[in-house]
Protein backbone atom coordinates (compact mmCIF):
# COMPACT_ATOMS: atom_id res chain seq x y z
CA UNK A 1 0.00 0.00 0.00
CA UNK A 2 1.43 3.36 -1.06
CA UNK A 3 1.70 6.24 1.34
CA UNK A 4 -0.59 9.14 0.43
CA UNK A 5 1.34 12.14 -0.81
CA UNK A 6 1.24 15.05 1.59
CA UNK A 7 0.95 18.39 -0.13
CA UNK A 8 2.91 21.10 1.65
CA UNK A 9 1.50 24.62 1.60
CA UNK A 10 3.61 27.19 -0.27
CA UNK A 11 6.17 28.94 1.88
CA UNK A 12 8.14 32.16 1.78
CA UNK A 13 11.53 32.92 3.19
CA UNK A 14 15.03 33.98 2.35
CA UNK A 15 18.17 31.83 2.28
CA UNK A 16 19.36 31.26 5.82
CA UNK A 17 16.02 32.30 7.28
CA UNK A 18 13.19 30.07 8.49
CA UNK A 19 10.40 29.62 5.98
CA UNK A 20 6.80 30.32 6.90
CA UNK A 21 3.63 29.50 5.03
CA UNK A 22 2.30 32.09 2.61
CA UNK A 23 -1.11 32.12 4.30
CA UNK A 24 0.48 32.76 7.70
CA UNK A 25 2.67 35.57 6.31
CA UNK A 26 -0.38 37.10 4.59
CA UNK A 27 -2.33 36.91 7.84
CA UNK A 28 0.41 38.67 9.79
CA UNK A 29 0.73 41.29 7.04
CA UNK A 30 -3.03 41.92 7.06
CA UNK A 31 -2.95 42.21 10.85
CA UNK A 32 -0.06 44.68 10.71
CA UNK A 33 -1.77 46.81 8.07
CA UNK A 34 -4.98 46.80 10.14
CA UNK A 35 -2.96 47.94 13.15
CA UNK A 36 -1.46 50.74 11.02
CA UNK A 37 -4.91 51.84 9.85
CA UNK A 38 -6.23 51.94 13.43
CA UNK A 39 -3.17 53.87 14.58
CA UNK A 40 -3.75 56.28 11.68
CA UNK A 41 -7.34 56.87 12.83
CA UNK A 42 -6.17 57.65 16.36
CA UNK A 43 -3.37 59.87 15.06
CA UNK A 44 -5.82 61.78 12.87
CA UNK A 45 -8.09 62.45 15.83
CA UNK A 46 -5.11 63.56 17.93
CA UNK A 47 -3.79 65.75 15.09
CA UNK A 48 -7.15 67.51 14.85
CA UNK A 49 -7.20 68.14 18.61
CA UNK A 50 -3.70 69.59 19.00
CA UNK A 51 -3.45 71.82 15.92
CA UNK A 52 -4.37 75.45 16.47
CA UNK A 53 -5.68 76.67 13.13
CA UNK A 54 -5.21 80.30 12.10
CA UNK A 55 -8.38 82.25 11.44
CA UNK A 56 -9.66 84.90 9.05
CA UNK A 57 -11.96 87.67 10.24
CA UNK A 58 -14.64 88.85 7.84
CA UNK A 59 -14.94 92.66 7.63
CA UNK A 60 -18.15 94.65 7.03
CA UNK A 61 -17.25 95.14 3.35
CA UNK A 62 -16.98 91.34 2.84
CA UNK A 63 -13.19 91.07 2.79
CA UNK A 64 -11.38 88.62 5.05
CA UNK A 65 -8.03 89.17 6.70
CA UNK A 66 -5.70 87.43 9.11
CA UNK A 67 -2.89 88.63 11.32
CA UNK A 68 0.85 88.20 10.72
CA UNK A 69 0.84 85.61 13.47
CA UNK A 70 -1.96 83.82 11.64
CA UNK A 71 0.17 83.72 8.50
CA UNK A 72 3.03 82.11 10.42
CA UNK A 73 0.66 79.43 11.80
CA UNK A 74 -0.33 78.20 8.34
CA UNK A 75 2.23 75.42 8.40
CA UNK A 76 1.63 74.49 12.03
CA UNK A 77 -0.61 71.64 10.93
CA UNK A 78 2.23 70.26 8.79
CA UNK A 79 4.68 70.55 11.68
CA UNK A 80 2.38 68.68 14.05
CA UNK A 81 1.70 66.07 11.37
CA UNK A 82 5.46 65.48 11.08
CA UNK A 83 6.04 65.33 14.84
CA UNK A 84 3.16 62.91 15.39
CA UNK A 85 4.15 60.86 12.36
CA UNK A 86 7.77 60.52 13.41
CA UNK A 87 6.94 59.38 16.95
CA UNK A 88 4.10 57.09 15.94
CA UNK A 89 5.97 55.49 13.07
CA UNK A 90 8.94 54.67 15.32
CA UNK A 91 6.50 52.56 17.33
CA UNK A 92 5.13 51.00 14.14
CA UNK A 93 8.69 50.21 13.04
CA UNK A 94 9.39 48.42 16.32
CA UNK A 95 6.23 46.33 15.93
CA UNK A 96 7.16 45.61 12.31
CA UNK A 97 10.61 44.35 13.32
CA UNK A 98 9.15 42.14 16.07
CA UNK A 99 6.63 40.58 13.68
CA UNK A 100 8.59 40.43 10.41
CA UNK A 101 12.26 40.70 11.37
CA UNK A 102 12.97 37.08 10.50
CA UNK A 103 11.96 37.63 6.88
CA UNK A 104 15.05 39.74 6.16
CA UNK A 105 15.04 42.77 3.88
CA UNK A 106 11.26 42.68 3.13
CA UNK A 107 10.71 44.03 6.64
CA UNK A 108 11.83 47.46 5.36
CA UNK A 109 9.17 47.43 2.64
CA UNK A 110 6.49 46.35 5.12
CA UNK A 111 7.53 49.06 7.61
CA UNK A 112 7.41 51.80 4.98
CA UNK A 113 4.10 50.58 3.57
CA UNK A 114 2.50 50.45 7.01
CA UNK A 115 3.75 53.88 8.05
CA UNK A 116 2.63 55.55 4.82
CA UNK A 117 -0.81 53.92 5.14
CA UNK A 118 -1.08 55.21 8.73
CA UNK A 119 -0.03 58.68 7.56
CA UNK A 120 -2.61 58.76 4.77
CA UNK A 121 -5.36 57.67 7.15
CA UNK A 122 -4.22 60.30 9.68
CA UNK A 123 -4.39 62.98 6.98
CA UNK A 124 -7.89 61.89 5.87
CA UNK A 125 -9.33 61.58 9.39
CA UNK A 126 -7.81 64.89 10.50
CA UNK A 127 -9.32 66.68 7.50
CA UNK A 128 -12.72 65.08 8.05
CA UNK A 129 -12.76 65.98 11.77
CA UNK A 130 -11.51 69.52 11.08
CA UNK A 131 -13.69 72.48 10.20
CA UNK A 132 -14.07 71.42 6.54
CA UNK A 133 -13.77 73.27 3.26
CA UNK A 134 -12.45 76.79 3.92
CA UNK A 135 -13.77 78.45 0.74
CA UNK A 136 -17.35 77.27 1.32
CA UNK A 137 -17.35 78.39 4.97
CA UNK A 138 -15.80 81.75 4.06
CA UNK A 139 -18.40 82.34 1.34
CA UNK A 140 -21.26 81.86 3.83
CA UNK A 141 -19.66 83.90 6.65
CA UNK A 142 -21.07 87.26 7.61
CA UNK A 143 -19.38 90.44 8.82
CA UNK A 144 -17.53 89.89 12.09
CA UNK A 145 -17.37 86.09 11.73
CA UNK A 146 -14.10 84.36 12.49
CA UNK A 147 -13.39 81.50 10.08
CA UNK A 148 -10.58 79.01 10.76
CA UNK A 149 -8.71 77.59 7.77
CA UNK A 150 -9.14 73.94 6.83
CA UNK A 151 -7.06 71.34 8.63
CA UNK A 152 -5.04 70.05 5.73
CA UNK A 153 -1.57 68.88 4.90
CA UNK A 154 -0.03 71.60 2.78
CA UNK A 155 3.18 69.69 2.10
CA UNK A 156 2.48 66.06 1.14
CA UNK A 157 6.21 65.39 1.40
CA UNK A 158 5.57 65.22 5.16
CA UNK A 159 4.51 61.61 4.57
CA UNK A 160 8.20 60.84 4.06
CA UNK A 161 8.72 61.61 7.76
CA UNK A 162 6.35 58.76 8.59
CA UNK A 163 8.30 56.35 6.36
CA UNK A 164 11.64 57.52 7.74
CA UNK A 165 10.48 57.07 11.33
CA UNK A 166 9.32 53.52 10.62
CA UNK A 167 12.62 52.34 9.15
CA UNK A 168 14.81 53.77 11.93
CA UNK A 169 14.10 50.94 14.43
CA UNK A 170 14.39 48.35 11.65
CA UNK A 171 17.76 49.67 10.51
CA UNK A 172 19.09 50.08 14.04
CA UNK A 173 18.02 46.61 15.13
CA UNK A 174 19.32 44.92 11.98
CA UNK A 175 22.69 46.68 12.08
CA UNK A 176 23.37 46.84 15.82
CA UNK A 177 21.50 43.81 17.11
CA UNK A 178 22.71 40.27 17.57
CA UNK A 179 23.05 38.42 14.27
CA UNK A 180 21.14 35.15 14.60
CA UNK A 181 22.86 33.60 11.58
CA UNK A 182 26.29 34.25 13.07
CA UNK A 183 25.23 32.86 16.45
CA UNK A 184 24.19 29.58 14.76
CA UNK A 185 27.69 29.02 13.34
CA UNK A 186 30.13 26.81 15.28
CA UNK A 187 32.69 28.76 17.30
CA UNK A 188 35.87 29.63 15.47
CA UNK A 189 39.07 28.11 16.72
CA UNK A 190 41.84 30.51 17.43
CA UNK A 191 45.24 29.74 16.07
CA UNK A 192 48.40 30.88 17.74
CA UNK A 193 50.85 32.96 15.86
CA UNK A 194 54.48 32.39 16.48
C-alpha atoms as a PDB file:
ATOM      1  CA  UNK A   1       0.000   0.000   0.000  1.00  0.00           C
ATOM      2  CA  UNK A   2       1.429   3.364  -1.062  1.00  0.00           C
ATOM      3  CA  UNK A   3       1.700   6.241   1.336  1.00  0.00           C
ATOM      4  CA  UNK A   4      -0.593   9.137   0.433  1.00  0.00           C
ATOM      5  CA  UNK A   5       1.337  12.145  -0.810  1.00  0.00           C
ATOM      6  CA  UNK A   6       1.238  15.051   1.594  1.00  0.00           C
ATOM      7  CA  UNK A   7       0.953  18.389  -0.135  1.00  0.00           C
ATOM      8  CA  UNK A   8       2.910  21.104   1.648  1.00  0.00           C
ATOM      9  CA  UNK A   9       1.502  24.625   1.599  1.00  0.00           C
ATOM     10  CA  UNK A  10       3.614  27.188  -0.271  1.00  0.00           C
ATOM     11  CA  UNK A  11       6.173  28.940   1.882  1.00  0.00           C
ATOM     12  CA  UNK A  12       8.142  32.163   1.784  1.00  0.00           C
ATOM     13  CA  UNK A  13      11.531  32.925   3.185  1.00  0.00           C
ATOM     14  CA  UNK A  14      15.031  33.981   2.353  1.00  0.00           C
ATOM     15  CA  UNK A  15      18.167  31.831   2.279  1.00  0.00           C
ATOM     16  CA  UNK A  16      19.361  31.260   5.819  1.00  0.00           C
ATOM     17  CA  UNK A  17      16.017  32.299   7.280  1.00  0.00           C
ATOM     18  CA  UNK A  18      13.192  30.073   8.488  1.00  0.00           C
ATOM     19  CA  UNK A  19      10.404  29.616   5.978  1.00  0.00           C
ATOM     20  CA  UNK A  20       6.796  30.316   6.896  1.00  0.00           C
ATOM     21  CA  UNK A  21       3.627  29.500   5.026  1.00  0.00           C
ATOM     22  CA  UNK A  22       2.298  32.092   2.606  1.00  0.00           C
ATOM     23  CA  UNK A  23      -1.109  32.115   4.297  1.00  0.00           C
ATOM     24  CA  UNK A  24       0.483  32.760   7.703  1.00  0.00           C
ATOM     25  CA  UNK A  25       2.666  35.571   6.306  1.00  0.00           C
ATOM     26  CA  UNK A  26      -0.378  37.097   4.586  1.00  0.00           C
ATOM     27  CA  UNK A  27      -2.334  36.914   7.842  1.00  0.00           C
ATOM     28  CA  UNK A  28       0.411  38.669   9.789  1.00  0.00           C
ATOM     29  CA  UNK A  29       0.725  41.289   7.041  1.00  0.00           C
ATOM     30  CA  UNK A  30      -3.034  41.920   7.056  1.00  0.00           C
ATOM     31  CA  UNK A  31      -2.947  42.215  10.852  1.00  0.00           C
ATOM     32  CA  UNK A  32      -0.056  44.678  10.711  1.00  0.00           C
ATOM     33  CA  UNK A  33      -1.769  46.812   8.069  1.00  0.00           C
ATOM     34  CA  UNK A  34      -4.976  46.798  10.138  1.00  0.00           C
ATOM     35  CA  UNK A  35      -2.960  47.939  13.147  1.00  0.00           C
ATOM     36  CA  UNK A  36      -1.455  50.739  11.018  1.00  0.00           C
ATOM     37  CA  UNK A  37      -4.910  51.836   9.853  1.00  0.00           C
ATOM     38  CA  UNK A  38      -6.230  51.942  13.432  1.00  0.00           C
ATOM     39  CA  UNK A  39      -3.169  53.869  14.583  1.00  0.00           C
ATOM     40  CA  UNK A  40      -3.752  56.279  11.681  1.00  0.00           C
ATOM     41  CA  UNK A  41      -7.343  56.872  12.825  1.00  0.00           C
ATOM     42  CA  UNK A  42      -6.174  57.651  16.363  1.00  0.00           C
ATOM     43  CA  UNK A  43      -3.372  59.868  15.063  1.00  0.00           C
ATOM     44  CA  UNK A  44      -5.818  61.782  12.871  1.00  0.00           C
ATOM     45  CA  UNK A  45      -8.094  62.452  15.833  1.00  0.00           C
ATOM     46  CA  UNK A  46      -5.114  63.561  17.930  1.00  0.00           C
ATOM     47  CA  UNK A  47      -3.793  65.752  15.092  1.00  0.00           C
ATOM     48  CA  UNK A  48      -7.146  67.513  14.847  1.00  0.00           C
ATOM     49  CA  UNK A  49      -7.205  68.137  18.613  1.00  0.00           C
ATOM     50  CA  UNK A  50      -3.704  69.592  19.002  1.00  0.00           C
ATOM     51  CA  UNK A  51      -3.450  71.817  15.924  1.00  0.00           C
ATOM     52  CA  UNK A  52      -4.367  75.446  16.469  1.00  0.00           C
ATOM     53  CA  UNK A  53      -5.680  76.675  13.132  1.00  0.00           C
ATOM     54  CA  UNK A  54      -5.206  80.303  12.104  1.00  0.00           C
ATOM     55  CA  UNK A  55      -8.377  82.251  11.437  1.00  0.00           C
ATOM     56  CA  UNK A  56      -9.657  84.895   9.054  1.00  0.00           C
ATOM     57  CA  UNK A  57     -11.959  87.669  10.240  1.00  0.00           C
ATOM     58  CA  UNK A  58     -14.638  88.846   7.841  1.00  0.00           C
ATOM     59  CA  UNK A  59     -14.945  92.659   7.633  1.00  0.00           C
ATOM     60  CA  UNK A  60     -18.151  94.654   7.029  1.00  0.00           C
ATOM     61  CA  UNK A  61     -17.246  95.140   3.347  1.00  0.00           C
ATOM     62  CA  UNK A  62     -16.983  91.339   2.842  1.00  0.00           C
ATOM     63  CA  UNK A  63     -13.193  91.067   2.793  1.00  0.00           C
ATOM     64  CA  UNK A  64     -11.385  88.624   5.051  1.00  0.00           C
ATOM     65  CA  UNK A  65      -8.027  89.167   6.696  1.00  0.00           C
ATOM     66  CA  UNK A  66      -5.695  87.435   9.108  1.00  0.00           C
ATOM     67  CA  UNK A  67      -2.889  88.634  11.322  1.00  0.00           C
ATOM     68  CA  UNK A  68       0.849  88.199  10.725  1.00  0.00           C
ATOM     69  CA  UNK A  69       0.843  85.610  13.466  1.00  0.00           C
ATOM     70  CA  UNK A  70      -1.961  83.825  11.640  1.00  0.00           C
ATOM     71  CA  UNK A  71       0.169  83.717   8.500  1.00  0.00           C
ATOM     72  CA  UNK A  72       3.026  82.108  10.424  1.00  0.00           C
ATOM     73  CA  UNK A  73       0.664  79.428  11.801  1.00  0.00           C
ATOM     74  CA  UNK A  74      -0.330  78.197   8.337  1.00  0.00           C
ATOM     75  CA  UNK A  75       2.229  75.415   8.402  1.00  0.00           C
ATOM     76  CA  UNK A  76       1.631  74.490  12.028  1.00  0.00           C
ATOM     77  CA  UNK A  77      -0.609  71.640  10.934  1.00  0.00           C
ATOM     78  CA  UNK A  78       2.227  70.257   8.793  1.00  0.00           C
ATOM     79  CA  UNK A  79       4.679  70.551  11.680  1.00  0.00           C
ATOM     80  CA  UNK A  80       2.378  68.683  14.050  1.00  0.00           C
ATOM     81  CA  UNK A  81       1.700  66.072  11.366  1.00  0.00           C
ATOM     82  CA  UNK A  82       5.464  65.480  11.079  1.00  0.00           C
ATOM     83  CA  UNK A  83       6.041  65.332  14.843  1.00  0.00           C
ATOM     84  CA  UNK A  84       3.163  62.909  15.389  1.00  0.00           C
ATOM     85  CA  UNK A  85       4.153  60.864  12.361  1.00  0.00           C
ATOM     86  CA  UNK A  86       7.770  60.524  13.412  1.00  0.00           C
ATOM     87  CA  UNK A  87       6.939  59.384  16.950  1.00  0.00           C
ATOM     88  CA  UNK A  88       4.096  57.085  15.940  1.00  0.00           C
ATOM     89  CA  UNK A  89       5.973  55.495  13.071  1.00  0.00           C
ATOM     90  CA  UNK A  90       8.941  54.671  15.317  1.00  0.00           C
ATOM     91  CA  UNK A  91       6.499  52.562  17.327  1.00  0.00           C
ATOM     92  CA  UNK A  92       5.129  50.997  14.137  1.00  0.00           C
ATOM     93  CA  UNK A  93       8.688  50.213  13.040  1.00  0.00           C
ATOM     94  CA  UNK A  94       9.387  48.423  16.323  1.00  0.00           C
ATOM     95  CA  UNK A  95       6.233  46.331  15.927  1.00  0.00           C
ATOM     96  CA  UNK A  96       7.158  45.609  12.313  1.00  0.00           C
ATOM     97  CA  UNK A  97      10.611  44.349  13.319  1.00  0.00           C
ATOM     98  CA  UNK A  98       9.151  42.137  16.066  1.00  0.00           C
ATOM     99  CA  UNK A  99       6.628  40.581  13.677  1.00  0.00           C
ATOM    100  CA  UNK A 100       8.593  40.430  10.411  1.00  0.00           C
ATOM    101  CA  UNK A 101      12.261  40.701  11.371  1.00  0.00           C
ATOM    102  CA  UNK A 102      12.973  37.077  10.502  1.00  0.00           C
ATOM    103  CA  UNK A 103      11.963  37.632   6.885  1.00  0.00           C
ATOM    104  CA  UNK A 104      15.047  39.741   6.160  1.00  0.00           C
ATOM    105  CA  UNK A 105      15.039  42.771   3.880  1.00  0.00           C
ATOM    106  CA  UNK A 106      11.262  42.681   3.125  1.00  0.00           C
ATOM    107  CA  UNK A 107      10.709  44.029   6.642  1.00  0.00           C
ATOM    108  CA  UNK A 108      11.829  47.460   5.364  1.00  0.00           C
ATOM    109  CA  UNK A 109       9.169  47.428   2.639  1.00  0.00           C
ATOM    110  CA  UNK A 110       6.494  46.354   5.124  1.00  0.00           C
ATOM    111  CA  UNK A 111       7.528  49.059   7.609  1.00  0.00           C
ATOM    112  CA  UNK A 112       7.413  51.802   4.980  1.00  0.00           C
ATOM    113  CA  UNK A 113       4.103  50.577   3.570  1.00  0.00           C
ATOM    114  CA  UNK A 114       2.500  50.453   7.011  1.00  0.00           C
ATOM    115  CA  UNK A 115       3.751  53.879   8.049  1.00  0.00           C
ATOM    116  CA  UNK A 116       2.627  55.553   4.825  1.00  0.00           C
ATOM    117  CA  UNK A 117      -0.807  53.920   5.138  1.00  0.00           C
ATOM    118  CA  UNK A 118      -1.078  55.212   8.725  1.00  0.00           C
ATOM    119  CA  UNK A 119      -0.031  58.678   7.557  1.00  0.00           C
ATOM    120  CA  UNK A 120      -2.605  58.758   4.770  1.00  0.00           C
ATOM    121  CA  UNK A 121      -5.355  57.674   7.155  1.00  0.00           C
ATOM    122  CA  UNK A 122      -4.218  60.300   9.682  1.00  0.00           C
ATOM    123  CA  UNK A 123      -4.393  62.978   6.980  1.00  0.00           C
ATOM    124  CA  UNK A 124      -7.886  61.886   5.875  1.00  0.00           C
ATOM    125  CA  UNK A 125      -9.327  61.583   9.389  1.00  0.00           C
ATOM    126  CA  UNK A 126      -7.808  64.892  10.498  1.00  0.00           C
ATOM    127  CA  UNK A 127      -9.315  66.682   7.503  1.00  0.00           C
ATOM    128  CA  UNK A 128     -12.716  65.076   8.053  1.00  0.00           C
ATOM    129  CA  UNK A 129     -12.758  65.982  11.768  1.00  0.00           C
ATOM    130  CA  UNK A 130     -11.508  69.520  11.076  1.00  0.00           C
ATOM    131  CA  UNK A 131     -13.690  72.477  10.195  1.00  0.00           C
ATOM    132  CA  UNK A 132     -14.073  71.424   6.542  1.00  0.00           C
ATOM    133  CA  UNK A 133     -13.769  73.274   3.255  1.00  0.00           C
ATOM    134  CA  UNK A 134     -12.453  76.790   3.919  1.00  0.00           C
ATOM    135  CA  UNK A 135     -13.771  78.448   0.745  1.00  0.00           C
ATOM    136  CA  UNK A 136     -17.348  77.272   1.323  1.00  0.00           C
ATOM    137  CA  UNK A 137     -17.346  78.394   4.970  1.00  0.00           C
ATOM    138  CA  UNK A 138     -15.796  81.749   4.061  1.00  0.00           C
ATOM    139  CA  UNK A 139     -18.402  82.339   1.345  1.00  0.00           C
ATOM    140  CA  UNK A 140     -21.258  81.856   3.826  1.00  0.00           C
ATOM    141  CA  UNK A 141     -19.663  83.896   6.653  1.00  0.00           C
ATOM    142  CA  UNK A 142     -21.073  87.257   7.610  1.00  0.00           C
ATOM    143  CA  UNK A 143     -19.376  90.440   8.822  1.00  0.00           C
ATOM    144  CA  UNK A 144     -17.526  89.893  12.088  1.00  0.00           C
ATOM    145  CA  UNK A 145     -17.371  86.094  11.726  1.00  0.00           C
ATOM    146  CA  UNK A 146     -14.096  84.357  12.490  1.00  0.00           C
ATOM    147  CA  UNK A 147     -13.390  81.500  10.079  1.00  0.00           C
ATOM    148  CA  UNK A 148     -10.581  79.008  10.758  1.00  0.00           C
ATOM    149  CA  UNK A 149      -8.707  77.589   7.772  1.00  0.00           C
ATOM    150  CA  UNK A 150      -9.139  73.940   6.832  1.00  0.00           C
ATOM    151  CA  UNK A 151      -7.060  71.343   8.631  1.00  0.00           C
ATOM    152  CA  UNK A 152      -5.045  70.049   5.730  1.00  0.00           C
ATOM    153  CA  UNK A 153      -1.569  68.879   4.900  1.00  0.00           C
ATOM    154  CA  UNK A 154      -0.034  71.603   2.778  1.00  0.00           C
ATOM    155  CA  UNK A 155       3.182  69.692   2.104  1.00  0.00           C
ATOM    156  CA  UNK A 156       2.475  66.057   1.142  1.00  0.00           C
ATOM    157  CA  UNK A 157       6.214  65.389   1.405  1.00  0.00           C
ATOM    158  CA  UNK A 158       5.570  65.223   5.160  1.00  0.00           C
ATOM    159  CA  UNK A 159       4.506  61.611   4.570  1.00  0.00           C
ATOM    160  CA  UNK A 160       8.205  60.840   4.058  1.00  0.00           C
ATOM    161  CA  UNK A 161       8.719  61.610   7.761  1.00  0.00           C
ATOM    162  CA  UNK A 162       6.351  58.759   8.592  1.00  0.00           C
ATOM    163  CA  UNK A 163       8.301  56.353   6.355  1.00  0.00           C
ATOM    164  CA  UNK A 164      11.639  57.519   7.742  1.00  0.00           C
ATOM    165  CA  UNK A 165      10.480  57.068  11.331  1.00  0.00           C
ATOM    166  CA  UNK A 166       9.324  53.517  10.620  1.00  0.00           C
ATOM    167  CA  UNK A 167      12.623  52.341   9.148  1.00  0.00           C
ATOM    168  CA  UNK A 168      14.808  53.775  11.925  1.00  0.00           C
ATOM    169  CA  UNK A 169      14.098  50.940  14.433  1.00  0.00           C
ATOM    170  CA  UNK A 170      14.394  48.353  11.655  1.00  0.00           C
ATOM    171  CA  UNK A 171      17.759  49.673  10.511  1.00  0.00           C
ATOM    172  CA  UNK A 172      19.090  50.083  14.045  1.00  0.00           C
ATOM    173  CA  UNK A 173      18.021  46.606  15.126  1.00  0.00           C
ATOM    174  CA  UNK A 174      19.325  44.919  11.979  1.00  0.00           C
ATOM    175  CA  UNK A 175      22.687  46.679  12.075  1.00  0.00           C
ATOM    176  CA  UNK A 176      23.369  46.838  15.818  1.00  0.00           C
ATOM    177  CA  UNK A 177      21.500  43.811  17.112  1.00  0.00           C
ATOM    178  CA  UNK A 178      22.713  40.271  17.568  1.00  0.00           C
ATOM    179  CA  UNK A 179      23.053  38.424  14.274  1.00  0.00           C
ATOM    180  CA  UNK A 180      21.138  35.146  14.596  1.00  0.00           C
ATOM    181  CA  UNK A 181      22.864  33.605  11.584  1.00  0.00           C
ATOM    182  CA  UNK A 182      26.288  34.251  13.073  1.00  0.00           C
ATOM    183  CA  UNK A 183      25.227  32.859  16.448  1.00  0.00           C
ATOM    184  CA  UNK A 184      24.189  29.577  14.765  1.00  0.00           C
ATOM    185  CA  UNK A 185      27.688  29.016  13.339  1.00  0.00           C
ATOM    186  CA  UNK A 186      30.134  26.807  15.279  1.00  0.00           C
ATOM    187  CA  UNK A 187      32.691  28.762  17.303  1.00  0.00           C
ATOM    188  CA  UNK A 188      35.875  29.628  15.472  1.00  0.00           C
ATOM    189  CA  UNK A 189      39.069  28.113  16.715  1.00  0.00           C
ATOM    190  CA  UNK A 190      41.836  30.505  17.434  1.00  0.00           C
ATOM    191  CA  UNK A 191      45.239  29.735  16.074  1.00  0.00           C
ATOM    192  CA  UNK A 192      48.402  30.881  17.739  1.00  0.00           C
ATOM    193  CA  UNK A 193      50.852  32.964  15.862  1.00  0.00           C
ATOM    194  CA  UNK A 194      54.481  32.394  16.482  1.00  0.00           C
END
